[in-house]
Amino acid sequence: MTDFKEISDCPITRTLSFIGGRWKTIILYIIADRTFRFGEISARIPAISRKVLTEQLKELVKDGILNRQKFNETPPRVEYSVTEFGKSLKDVLSEMEKWGFELEKHTLK
């Protein structure tokens, strides 16, 4: 195990600063393979409030993980998709999914 002088030196902490929290990984898991509109994301995660979803999407866009494309239409239309940088998280999320399935098996014993 590596020693770290500062907690910010830890690569896991650095990664979690981008995708940590209750909702970001779920949002990324849902959006991973195609473009979604806000309402579609909201419908797939009914437990998240629209306010929190908006905040999480803004952070993911700011961090370069998601694209936000606004269309000049009435009514307004906004679509979200994963950036090339965000796609680099696919293996991380896949491993988290696998571990989650193993955890489920382990805890059901």
Protein backbone atom coordinates (compact mmCIF):
# COMPACT_ATOMS: atom_id res chain seq x y z
CA MET A 1 0.00 0.00 0.00
CA THR A 2 1.32 3.45 -0.89
CA ASP A 3 1.70 6.16 1.74
CA PHE A 4 0.25 9.57 0.87
CA LYS A 5 1.43 12.82 2.44
CA GLU A 6 -1.86 14.51 1.65
CA ILE A 7 -5.25 12.91 1.13
CA SER A 8 -5.44 14.78 -2.20
CA ASP A 9 -2.38 12.81 -3.36
CA CYS A 10 -4.52 9.66 -3.35
CA PRO A 11 -5.71 8.80 -6.87
CA ILE A 12 -8.89 7.20 -5.51
CA THR A 13 -9.77 10.38 -3.63
CA ARG A 14 -9.09 12.38 -6.80
CA THR A 15 -11.41 10.08 -8.79
CA LEU A 16 -14.15 10.27 -6.17
CA SER A 17 -13.97 14.06 -6.23
CA PHE A 18 -15.34 13.80 -9.79
CA ILE A 19 -17.83 10.93 -9.46
CA GLY A 20 -18.43 10.63 -5.72
CA GLY A 21 -21.70 11.27 -4.01
CA ARG A 22 -25.01 9.55 -4.13
CA TRP A 23 -26.12 10.27 -7.70
CA LYS A 24 -23.25 10.89 -10.11
CA THR A 25 -22.36 7.25 -10.68
CA ILE A 26 -26.03 6.40 -11.23
CA ILE A 27 -26.40 9.23 -13.72
CA LEU A 28 -23.27 8.09 -15.57
CA TYR A 29 -24.42 4.48 -15.54
CA ILE A 30 -27.71 5.50 -17.17
CA ILE A 31 -26.24 7.90 -19.75
CA ALA A 32 -23.21 5.73 -20.60
CA ASP A 33 -24.27 4.53 -24.03
CA ARG A 34 -26.57 7.17 -25.50
CA THR A 35 -27.88 10.72 -25.33
CA PHE A 36 -30.71 11.53 -22.91
CA ARG A 37 -32.94 14.48 -22.28
CA PHE A 38 -33.35 15.80 -18.74
CA GLY A 39 -36.84 14.32 -18.36
CA GLU A 40 -35.65 10.90 -19.47
CA ILE A 41 -32.89 10.91 -16.87
CA SER A 42 -35.31 12.11 -14.20
CA ALA A 43 -37.79 9.34 -15.07
CA ARG A 44 -35.09 6.67 -14.72
CA ILE A 45 -34.07 7.94 -11.27
CA PRO A 46 -37.39 8.73 -9.55
CA ALA A 47 -35.76 9.07 -6.12
CA ILE A 48 -33.73 12.14 -7.12
CA SER A 49 -35.31 15.59 -7.00
CA ARG A 50 -35.20 17.73 -10.13
CA LYS A 51 -33.13 20.33 -8.22
CA VAL A 52 -30.48 17.80 -7.20
CA LEU A 53 -30.43 16.23 -10.67
CA THR A 54 -29.87 19.67 -12.18
CA GLU A 55 -26.99 20.35 -9.75
CA GLN A 56 -25.34 16.98 -10.41
CA LEU A 57 -25.63 17.37 -14.18
CA LYS A 58 -24.11 20.87 -13.98
CA GLU A 59 -21.15 19.52 -11.98
CA LEU A 60 -20.59 16.65 -14.42
CA VAL A 61 -20.68 19.10 -17.34
CA LYS A 62 -18.31 21.51 -15.54
CA ASP A 63 -15.89 18.65 -14.87
CA GLY A 64 -15.89 17.66 -18.54
CA ILE A 65 -17.55 14.30 -17.99
CA LEU A 66 -20.84 15.13 -19.73
CA ASN A 67 -21.79 17.21 -22.76
CA ARG A 68 -24.82 19.47 -22.52
CA GLN A 69 -26.36 20.43 -25.84
CA LYS A 70 -29.07 23.08 -25.82
CA PHE A 71 -31.33 23.37 -28.85
CA ASN A 72 -32.84 26.71 -29.80
CA GLU A 73 -36.43 25.46 -29.91
CA THR A 74 -39.73 26.09 -28.22
CA PRO A 75 -40.18 24.37 -25.87
CA PRO A 76 -36.48 24.31 -24.96
CA ARG A 77 -34.69 21.00 -25.44
CA VAL A 78 -31.46 20.00 -23.71
CA GLU A 79 -29.63 16.72 -24.23
CA TYR A 80 -26.84 15.15 -22.18
CA SER A 81 -24.22 12.70 -23.38
CA VAL A 82 -20.91 11.38 -22.10
CA THR A 83 -17.75 13.12 -23.35
CA GLU A 84 -14.70 11.20 -24.56
CA PHE A 85 -13.10 12.00 -21.19
CA GLY A 86 -16.22 10.69 -19.43
CA LYS A 87 -16.12 7.49 -21.48
CA SER A 88 -12.80 6.71 -19.80
CA LEU A 89 -14.86 6.00 -16.65
CA LYS A 90 -16.71 3.13 -18.34
CA ASP A 91 -14.29 0.46 -17.06
CA VAL A 92 -14.38 1.97 -13.56
CA LEU A 93 -18.18 1.86 -13.50
CA SER A 94 -18.18 -1.66 -14.97
CA GLU A 95 -15.91 -2.89 -12.18
CA MET A 96 -18.11 -1.16 -9.60
CA GLU A 97 -21.12 -2.94 -11.10
CA LYS A 98 -19.36 -6.33 -10.91
CA TRP A 99 -18.32 -5.71 -7.33
CA GLY A 100 -21.90 -4.70 -6.49
CA PHE A 101 -23.19 -8.03 -7.83
CA GLU A 102 -20.55 -9.90 -5.82
CA LEU A 103 -21.45 -7.90 -2.73
CA GLU A 104 -25.10 -8.80 -3.21
CA LYS A 105 -24.20 -12.53 -3.37
CA HIS A 106 -21.96 -12.18 -0.33
CA THR A 107 -24.55 -10.42 1.80
CA LEU A 108 -27.37 -12.83 0.87
CA LYS A 109 -25.53 -15.82 2.36
